[in-house]
Structure formats: structure tokens, C-alpha cells
PDB file of N, CA and C in Angstrom:
ATOM      1  N   MET A   1      73.160 100.162  83.639  1.00  0.00           N
ATOM      2  CA  MET A   1      74.237  99.126  84.354  1.00  0.00           C
ATOM      3  C   MET A   1      75.299 100.192  84.555  1.00  0.00           C
ATOM      4  N   THR A   2      75.830  99.967  85.733  1.00  0.00           N
ATOM      5  CA  THR A   2      76.961 101.154  86.149  1.00  0.00           C
ATOM      6  C   THR A   2      78.252 100.266  85.881  1.00  0.00           C
ATOM      7  N   ALA A   3      79.133 100.820  85.392  1.00  0.00           N
ATOM      8  CA  ALA A   3      80.451 100.406  84.843  1.00  0.00           C
ATOM      9  C   ALA A   3      81.465 100.471  86.244  1.00  0.00           C
ATOM     10  N   GLN A   4      81.895  99.354  86.462  1.00  0.00           N
ATOM     11  CA  GLN A   4      83.166  99.505  87.573  1.00  0.00           C
ATOM     12  C   GLN A   4      84.235  98.975  87.117  1.00  0.00           C
ATOM     13  N   LEU A   5      85.317  99.597  87.207  1.00  0.00           N
ATOM     14  CA  LEU A   5      86.740  99.086  87.076  1.00  0.00           C
ATOM     15  C   LEU A   5      87.081  98.239  88.052  1.00  0.00           C
ATOM     16  N   THR A   6      87.646  96.999  87.829  1.00  0.00           N
ATOM     17  CA  THR A   6      88.157  96.272  88.855  1.00  0.00           C
ATOM     18  C   THR A   6      89.650  95.786  88.742  1.00  0.00           C
ATOM     19  N   TYR A   7      90.279  95.429  89.835  1.00  0.00           N
ATOM     20  CA  TYR A   7      91.631  94.900  89.825  1.00  0.00           C
ATOM     21  C   TYR A   7      92.089  94.145  88.712  1.00  0.00           C
ATOM     22  N   GLU A   8      91.128  93.050  88.188  1.00  0.00           N
ATOM     23  CA  GLU A   8      91.383  92.563  87.082  1.00  0.00           C
ATOM     24  C   GLU A   8      91.631  93.006  85.626  1.00  0.00           C
ATOM     25  N   GLU A   9      90.650  94.251  85.637  1.00  0.00           N
ATOM     26  CA  GLU A   9      90.837  95.045  84.551  1.00  0.00           C
ATOM     27  C   GLU A   9      92.033  95.880  84.608  1.00  0.00           C
ATOM     28  N   LEU A  10      92.381  96.547  85.715  1.00  0.00           N
ATOM     29  CA  LEU A  10      93.224  97.205  85.943  1.00  0.00           C
ATOM     30  C   LEU A  10      94.651  96.672  85.372  1.00  0.00           C
ATOM     31  N   ALA A  11      94.724  95.288  86.059  1.00  0.00           N
ATOM     32  CA  ALA A  11      95.911  94.372  85.671  1.00  0.00           C
ATOM     33  C   ALA A  11      96.095  94.296  84.192  1.00  0.00           C
ATOM     34  N   THR A  12      95.043  93.962  83.575  1.00  0.00           N
ATOM     35  CA  THR A  12      94.943  93.927  82.090  1.00  0.00           C
ATOM     36  C   THR A  12      95.322  95.142  81.181  1.00  0.00           C
ATOM     37  N   LEU A  13      94.875  96.119  81.962  1.00  0.00           N
ATOM     38  CA  LEU A  13      95.298  97.535  81.047  1.00  0.00           C
ATOM     39  C   LEU A  13      96.889  97.908  81.530  1.00  0.00           C
ATOM     40  N   MET A  14      97.268  97.536  82.573  1.00  0.00           N
ATOM     41  CA  MET A  14      98.973  97.356  82.906  1.00  0.00           C
ATOM     42  C   MET A  14      99.515  96.422  82.084  1.00  0.00           C
ATOM     43  N   LYS A  15      98.990  95.394  81.579  1.00  0.00           N
ATOM     44  CA  LYS A  15      99.658  94.420  80.787  1.00  0.00           C
ATOM     45  C   LYS A  15      99.724  95.147  79.437  1.00  0.00           C
ATOM     46  N   ASN A  16      98.457  95.436  79.009  1.00  0.00           N
ATOM     47  CA  ASN A  16      98.436  95.909  77.626  1.00  0.00           C
ATOM     48  C   ASN A  16      99.075  97.111  77.339  1.00  0.00           C
ATOM     49  N   GLY A  17      99.067  98.218  78.197  1.00  0.00           N
ATOM     50  CA  GLY A  17      99.337  99.725  78.046  1.00  0.00           C
ATOM     51  C   GLY A  17     100.984  99.605  78.283  1.00  0.00           C
ATOM     52  N   ALA A  18     101.508  98.812  79.420  1.00  0.00           N
ATOM     53  CA  ALA A  18     103.113  99.324  79.787  1.00  0.00           C
ATOM     54  C   ALA A  18     103.629  98.059  79.587  1.00  0.00           C
ATOM     55  N   GLY A  19     102.775  96.752  79.264  1.00  0.00           N
ATOM     56  CA  GLY A  19     103.867  95.345  79.315  1.00  0.00           C
ATOM     57  C   GLY A  19     104.061  94.695  80.676  1.00  0.00           C
ATOM     58  N   LEU A  20     103.303  95.181  81.689  1.00  0.00           N
ATOM     59  CA  LEU A  20     103.527  94.798  82.879  1.00  0.00           C
ATOM     60  C   LEU A  20     102.828  93.748  83.594  1.00  0.00           C
ATOM     61  N   THR A  21     103.231  92.603  83.953  1.00  0.00           N
ATOM     62  CA  THR A  21     102.442  91.422  84.525  1.00  0.00           C
ATOM     63  C   THR A  21     102.244  91.416  86.021  1.00  0.00           C
ATOM     64  N   VAL A  22     100.883  91.875  86.298  1.00  0.00           N
ATOM     65  CA  VAL A  22     100.638  92.045  87.725  1.00  0.00           C
ATOM     66  C   VAL A  22      99.717  91.155  88.100  1.00  0.00           C
ATOM     67  N   ASP A  23      99.695  90.616  89.438  1.00  0.00           N
ATOM     68  CA  ASP A  23      98.573  89.757  89.899  1.00  0.00           C
ATOM     69  C   ASP A  23      97.535  90.714  90.494  1.00  0.00           C
ATOM     70  N   PRO A  24      96.274  90.363  89.903  1.00  0.00           N
ATOM     71  CA  PRO A  24      95.289  91.184  90.190  1.00  0.00           C
ATOM     72  C   PRO A  24      94.825  91.021  92.036  1.00  0.00           C
ATOM     73  N   SER A  25      94.982  89.966  92.469  1.00  0.00           N
ATOM     74  CA  SER A  25      94.877  89.383  93.790  1.00  0.00           C
ATOM     75  C   SER A  25      95.653  90.237  95.012  1.00  0.00           C
ATOM     76  N   GLU A  26      96.912  90.234  94.156  1.00  0.00           N
ATOM     77  CA  GLU A  26      97.974  91.172  95.018  1.00  0.00           C
ATOM     78  C   GLU A  26      97.579  92.216  95.213  1.00  0.00           C
ATOM     79  N   MET A  27      97.234  93.273  93.997  1.00  0.00           N
ATOM     80  CA  MET A  27      96.680  94.275  94.274  1.00  0.00           C
ATOM     81  C   MET A  27      95.857  94.783  95.145  1.00  0.00           C
ATOM     82  N   SER A  28      94.789  93.753  94.827  1.00  0.00           N
ATOM     83  CA  SER A  28      93.332  93.868  95.705  1.00  0.00           C
ATOM     84  C   SER A  28      93.727  93.668  97.253  1.00  0.00           C
ATOM     85  N   SER A  29      94.616  92.918  97.425  1.00  0.00           N
ATOM     86  CA  SER A  29      94.861  92.564  98.877  1.00  0.00           C
ATOM     87  C   SER A  29      95.836  93.660  99.560  1.00  0.00           C
ATOM     88  N   ARG A  30      96.605  94.396  98.548  1.00  0.00           N
ATOM     89  CA  ARG A  30      97.280  95.549  99.074  1.00  0.00           C
ATOM     90  C   ARG A  30      96.769  96.671  97.990  1.00  0.00           C
ATOM     91  N   PRO A  31      95.554  97.326  98.370  1.00  0.00           N
ATOM     92  CA  PRO A  31      95.298  98.497  97.574  1.00  0.00           C
ATOM     93  C   PRO A  31      96.039  99.800  97.920  1.00  0.00           C
ATOM     94  N   GLY A  32      96.832  99.663  98.889  1.00  0.00           N
ATOM     95  CA  GLY A  32      97.843 100.943  99.347  1.00  0.00           C
ATOM     96  C   GLY A  32      99.158 100.911  98.747  1.00  0.00           C
ATOM     97  N   SER A  33      99.257  99.817  98.239  1.00  0.00           N
ATOM     98  CA  SER A  33     100.629  99.600  97.757  1.00  0.00           C
ATOM     99  C   SER A  33     100.882 100.748  96.467  1.00  0.00           C
ATOM    100  N   ALA A  34     102.226 101.298  96.367  1.00  0.00           N
ATOM    101  CA  ALA A  34     102.311 102.141  95.295  1.00  0.00           C
ATOM    102  C   ALA A  34     102.501 101.673  93.870  1.00  0.00           C
ATOM    103  N   PHE A  35     102.123 102.237  92.833  1.00  0.00           N
ATOM    104  CA  PHE A  35     102.210 101.755  91.442  1.00  0.00           C
ATOM    105  C   PHE A  35     103.448 101.544  91.170  1.00  0.00           C
ATOM    106  N   ASP A  36     104.400 101.958  91.641  1.00  0.00           N
ATOM    107  CA  ASP A  36     106.256 102.097  91.131  1.00  0.00           C
ATOM    108  C   ASP A  36     106.558 100.550  91.877  1.00  0.00           C
ATOM    109  N   GLU A  37     105.924 100.146  92.811  1.00  0.00           N
ATOM    110  CA  GLU A  37     106.312  98.670  93.194  1.00  0.00           C
ATOM    111  C   GLU A  37     105.976  97.536  92.383  1.00  0.00           C
ATOM    112  N   TYR A  38     104.727  98.021  91.366  1.00  0.00           N
ATOM    113  CA  TYR A  38     104.611  97.004  90.112  1.00  0.00           C
ATOM    114  C   TYR A  38     105.268  97.457  88.867  1.00  0.00           C
ATOM    115  N   GLY A  39     106.111  98.782  88.896  1.00  0.00           N
ATOM    116  CA  GLY A  39     106.910  98.813  87.634  1.00  0.00           C
ATOM    117  C   GLY A  39     106.188 100.132  86.977  1.00  0.00           C
ATOM    118  N   LEU A  40     104.834 100.228  87.360  1.00  0.00           N
ATOM    119  CA  LEU A  40     104.071 101.384  86.654  1.00  0.00           C
ATOM    120  C   LEU A  40     104.764 102.733  86.911  1.00  0.00           C
ATOM    121  N   ASP A  41     104.803 103.349  86.041  1.00  0.00           N
ATOM    122  CA  ASP A  41     105.292 104.889  86.154  1.00  0.00           C
ATOM    123  C   ASP A  41     104.244 105.644  85.889  1.00  0.00           C
ATOM    124  N   SER A  42     104.615 107.192  85.758  1.00  0.00           N
ATOM    125  CA  SER A  42     103.551 108.057  85.616  1.00  0.00           C
ATOM    126  C   SER A  42     102.854 107.897  84.116  1.00  0.00           C
ATOM    127  N   LEU A  43     103.910 107.848  83.321  1.00  0.00           N
ATOM    128  CA  LEU A  43     103.670 107.571  81.729  1.00  0.00           C
ATOM    129  C   LEU A  43     102.603 106.472  81.535  1.00  0.00           C
ATOM    130  N   GLY A  44     102.931 105.505  82.228  1.00  0.00           N
ATOM    131  CA  GLY A  44     102.231 104.111  82.175  1.00  0.00           C
ATOM    132  C   GLY A  44     100.786 104.351  82.510  1.00  0.00           C
ATOM    133  N   LEU A  45     100.769 105.289  83.625  1.00  0.00           N
ATOM    134  CA  LEU A  45      99.331 105.404  84.355  1.00  0.00           C
ATOM    135  C   LEU A  45      98.574 106.636  83.232  1.00  0.00           C
ATOM    136  N   LEU A  46      99.368 107.301  82.585  1.00  0.00           N
ATOM    137  CA  LEU A  46      98.700 108.160  81.775  1.00  0.00           C
ATOM    138  C   LEU A  46      98.061 107.473  80.659  1.00  0.00           C
ATOM    139  N   GLY A  47      98.946 106.507  80.248  1.00  0.00           N
ATOM    140  CA  GLY A  47      98.232 105.706  79.156  1.00  0.00           C
ATOM    141  C   GLY A  47      97.097 104.941  79.610  1.00  0.00           C
ATOM    142  N   ILE A  48      96.938 104.515  80.866  1.00  0.00           N
ATOM    143  CA  ILE A  48      95.601 103.799  81.183  1.00  0.00           C
ATOM    144  C   ILE A  48      94.821 104.795  81.301  1.00  0.00           C
ATOM    145  N   VAL A  49      94.543 105.925  81.923  1.00  0.00           N
ATOM    146  CA  VAL A  49      93.848 106.757  81.750  1.00  0.00           C
ATOM    147  C   VAL A  49      93.163 107.105  80.366  1.00  0.00           C
ATOM    148  N   ALA A  50      94.234 107.390  79.427  1.00  0.00           N
ATOM    149  CA  ALA A  50      93.294 107.503  78.066  1.00  0.00           C
ATOM    150  C   ALA A  50      92.784 106.339  77.474  1.00  0.00           C
ATOM    151  N   ALA A  51      93.494 105.217  77.939  1.00  0.00           N
ATOM    152  CA  ALA A  51      92.485 103.968  77.359  1.00  0.00           C
ATOM    153  C   ALA A  51      91.236 104.038  78.240  1.00  0.00           C
ATOM    154  N   LEU A  52      90.957 104.292  79.387  1.00  0.00           N
ATOM    155  CA  LEU A  52      89.687 104.219  79.989  1.00  0.00           C
ATOM    156  C   LEU A  52      88.908 105.476  79.565  1.00  0.00           C
ATOM    157  N   GLU A  53      89.625 106.680  79.311  1.00  0.00           N
ATOM    158  CA  GLU A  53      88.669 107.715  78.449  1.00  0.00           C
ATOM    159  C   GLU A  53      88.230 107.500  77.179  1.00  0.00           C
ATOM    160  N   ASN A  54      88.786 106.652  76.689  1.00  0.00           N
ATOM    161  CA  ASN A  54      88.329 106.256  75.032  1.00  0.00           C
ATOM    162  C   ASN A  54      87.267 105.169  75.183  1.00  0.00           C
ATOM    163  N   ARG A  55      87.392 104.130  76.486  1.00  0.00           N
ATOM    164  CA  ARG A  55      86.449 103.076  76.501  1.00  0.00           C
ATOM    165  C   ARG A  55      85.097 103.513  77.248  1.00  0.00           C
ATOM    166  N   TYR A  56      85.159 104.633  78.110  1.00  0.00           N
ATOM    167  CA  TYR A  56      84.059 105.080  78.431  1.00  0.00           C
ATOM    168  C   TYR A  56      83.296 106.192  77.824  1.00  0.00           C
ATOM    169  N   GLY A  57      84.158 106.841  77.135  1.00  0.00           N
ATOM    170  CA  GLY A  57      83.604 107.923  76.429  1.00  0.00           C
ATOM    171  C   GLY A  57      83.368 109.381  76.926  1.00  0.00           C
ATOM    172  N   HIS A  58      84.096 109.427  78.152  1.00  0.00           N
ATOM    173  CA  HIS A  58      84.366 110.750  78.926  1.00  0.00           C
ATOM    174  C   HIS A  58      85.545 110.955  79.741  1.00  0.00           C
ATOM    175  N   PRO A  59      85.924 112.193  79.840  1.00  0.00           N
ATOM    176  CA  PRO A  59      87.365 112.486  80.513  1.00  0.00           C
ATOM    177  C   PRO A  59      87.063 111.965  82.008  1.00  0.00           C
ATOM    178  N   LEU A  60      88.430 111.526  82.328  1.00  0.00           N
ATOM    179  CA  LEU A  60      88.490 111.262  83.962  1.00  0.00           C
ATOM    180  C   LEU A  60      89.052 112.402  84.677  1.00  0.00           C
ATOM    181  N   PRO A  61      88.873 112.721  85.754  1.00  0.00           N
ATOM    182  CA  PRO A  61      89.258 113.893  86.356  1.00  0.00           C
ATOM    183  C   PRO A  61      90.812 114.312  85.863  1.00  0.00           C
ATOM    184  N   VAL A  62      91.300 115.451  86.002  1.00  0.00           N
ATOM    185  CA  VAL A  62      92.498 115.609  85.698  1.00  0.00           C
ATOM    186  C   VAL A  62      93.613 115.215  86.571  1.00  0.00           C
ATOM    187  N   ASP A  63      93.238 114.828  87.793  1.00  0.00           N
ATOM    188  CA  ASP A  63      94.402 114.208  88.638  1.00  0.00           C
ATOM    189  C   ASP A  63      94.325 112.853  88.743  1.00  0.00           C
ATOM    190  N   ALA A  64      93.615 112.071  87.683  1.00  0.00           N
ATOM    191  CA  ALA A  64      93.807 110.678  87.633  1.00  0.00           C
ATOM    192  C   ALA A  64      95.057 110.051  87.486  1.00  0.00           C
ATOM    193  N   ASP A  65      96.066 110.800  86.516  1.00  0.00           N
ATOM    194  CA  ASP A  65      97.284 110.292  86.554  1.00  0.00           C
ATOM    195  C   ASP A  65      98.268 110.492  87.654  1.00  0.00           C
ATOM    196  N   ARG A  66      97.761 111.059  88.660  1.00  0.00           N
ATOM    197  CA  ARG A  66      98.465 111.531  89.579  1.00  0.00           C
ATOM    198  C   ARG A  66      98.490 110.530  91.061  1.00  0.00           C
ATOM    199  N   CYS A  67      97.232 109.603  90.651  1.00  0.00           N
ATOM    200  CA  CYS A  67      97.151 108.623  91.950  1.00  0.00           C
ATOM    201  C   CYS A  67      98.435 107.701  91.987  1.00  0.00           C
ATOM    202  N   LYS A  68      98.730 107.515  93.341  1.00  0.00           N
ATOM    203  CA  LYS A  68      99.861 106.715  93.615  1.00  0.00           C
ATOM    204  C   LYS A  68      99.737 105.145  93.845  1.00  0.00           C
ATOM    205  N   THR A  69      98.323 104.933  94.074  1.00  0.00           N
ATOM    206  CA  THR A  69      98.145 103.381  94.497  1.00  0.00           C
ATOM    207  C   THR A  69      96.822 102.866  93.758  1.00  0.00           C
ATOM    208  N   PRO A  70      96.954 101.671  93.393  1.00  0.00           N
ATOM    209  CA  PRO A  70      95.782 101.006  92.663  1.00  0.00           C
ATOM    210  C   PRO A  70      94.586 101.318  93.493  1.00  0.00           C
ATOM    211  N   GLY A  71      94.378 101.208  94.499  1.00  0.00           N
ATOM    212  CA  GLY A  71      93.154 101.399  95.364  1.00  0.00           C
ATOM    213  C   GLY A  71      92.668 102.903  95.082  1.00  0.00           C
ATOM    214  N   GLU A  72      93.470 103.854  95.291  1.00  0.00           N
ATOM    215  CA  GLU A  72      93.385 105.318  95.137  1.00  0.00           C
ATOM    216  C   GLU A  72      92.791 105.676  93.732  1.00  0.00           C
ATOM    217  N   PHE A  73      93.457 104.978  92.647  1.00  0.00           N
ATOM    218  CA  PHE A  73      92.984 105.042  91.372  1.00  0.00           C
ATOM    219  C   PHE A  73      91.667 104.385  91.302  1.00  0.00           C
ATOM    220  N   LEU A  74      91.434 103.080  91.524  1.00  0.00           N
ATOM    221  CA  LEU A  74      90.077 102.579  91.513  1.00  0.00           C
ATOM    222  C   LEU A  74      88.926 103.436  91.802  1.00  0.00           C
ATOM    223  N   ASP A  75      89.446 104.032  93.320  1.00  0.00           N
ATOM    224  CA  ASP A  75      88.497 104.578  93.925  1.00  0.00           C
ATOM    225  C   ASP A  75      88.069 105.970  92.891  1.00  0.00           C
ATOM    226  N   LEU A  76      88.826 106.503  92.220  1.00  0.00           N
ATOM    227  CA  LEU A  76      88.702 108.040  91.714  1.00  0.00           C
ATOM    228  C   LEU A  76      87.955 107.503  90.602  1.00  0.00           C
ATOM    229  N   VAL A  77      88.560 106.450  89.596  1.00  0.00           N
ATOM    230  CA  VAL A  77      87.655 106.147  88.543  1.00  0.00           C
ATOM    231  C   VAL A  77      86.353 105.765  88.823  1.00  0.00           C
ATOM    232  N   ASN A  78      85.783 104.847  89.652  1.00  0.00           N
ATOM    233  CA  ASN A  78      84.592 104.395  89.975  1.00  0.00           C
ATOM    234  C   ASN A  78      83.979 105.231  90.276  1.00  0.00           C
ATOM    235  N   ASN A  79      84.111 106.059  91.342  1.00  0.00           N
ATOM    236  CA  ASN A  79      83.447 107.496  91.691  1.00  0.00           C
ATOM    237  C   ASN A  79      83.009 108.119  90.429  1.00  0.00           C
ATOM    238  N   THR A  80      83.868 108.180  89.822  1.00  0.00           N
ATOM    239  CA  THR A  80      83.540 109.150  88.425  1.00  0.00           C
ATOM    240  C   THR A  80      82.748 108.602  87.644  1.00  0.00           C
ATOM    241  N   LEU A  81      82.704 107.298  87.530  1.00  0.00           N
ATOM    242  CA  LEU A  81      81.688 106.635  86.391  1.00  0.00           C
ATOM    243  C   LEU A  81      80.498 106.385  87.213  1.00  0.00           C
ATOM    244  N   VAL A  82      80.522 106.381  88.495  1.00  0.00           N
ATOM    245  CA  VAL A  82      79.065 106.456  89.046  1.00  0.00           C
ATOM    246  C   VAL A  82      78.345 107.764  88.677  1.00  0.00           C
ATOM    247  N   THR A  83      79.260 109.046  89.214  1.00  0.00           N
ATOM    248  CA  THR A  83      78.570 110.293  89.004  1.00  0.00           C
ATOM    249  C   THR A  83      78.701 110.665  87.710  1.00  0.00           C
ATOM    250  N   GLY A  84      79.251 110.007  86.974  1.00  0.00           N
ATOM    251  CA  GLY A  84      79.127 110.592  85.349  1.00  0.00           C
ATOM    252  C   GLY A  84      79.992 111.932  85.403  1.00  0.00           C
ATOM    253  N   ALA A  85      81.021 112.338  86.012  1.00  0.00           N
ATOM    254  CA  ALA A  85      81.430 113.533  86.076  1.00  0.00           C
ATOM    255  C   ALA A  85      82.740 113.475  84.992  1.00  0.00           C
TER     256      ALA A  85
END
């Protein structure tokens, strides 16, 4: 079974890691919106990256915490999970 990160899971990670309440359907309808529009800064994204690395047991690409949008982040994470890189 291939693991895929969803907008719902990303919203949960944003809530748990940064205390932000974000509507996952809003993120999915606007995948190019900037994380800072939701109040997520680079430190918050770094925490999400660390949580995902712990969950999946391998590191994400070094530029994962530099993603600017939810769509960009999900593409990067999900492509990494598929390739196992």
C-alpha cells in the first residue's frame, strides 16, 4: 500500500504542530495559495516535515521545508513516498 499525504492530514498536522485551524477543502481548492496565508511560517513547516519523517521512517528532501504552497508540499512529499527517495 502506498502512503499518500492528503490535504486533510496536512490540515491536522498544521493544527497539531502549529495550532492553526485550516479548512482542508480550502487548501485543496486553492493548492497554489501561500502557506503564510494560513499563518504557517517556515518554523511551523519544519515541524511538519519532522513529524512526517518520524511517521514514515525516512527523511524528506532537504528542500521540503522551503515549499511555499500546500500543493507544492503535497506533490513533493507524495512523490518522495512513491519513489522511496
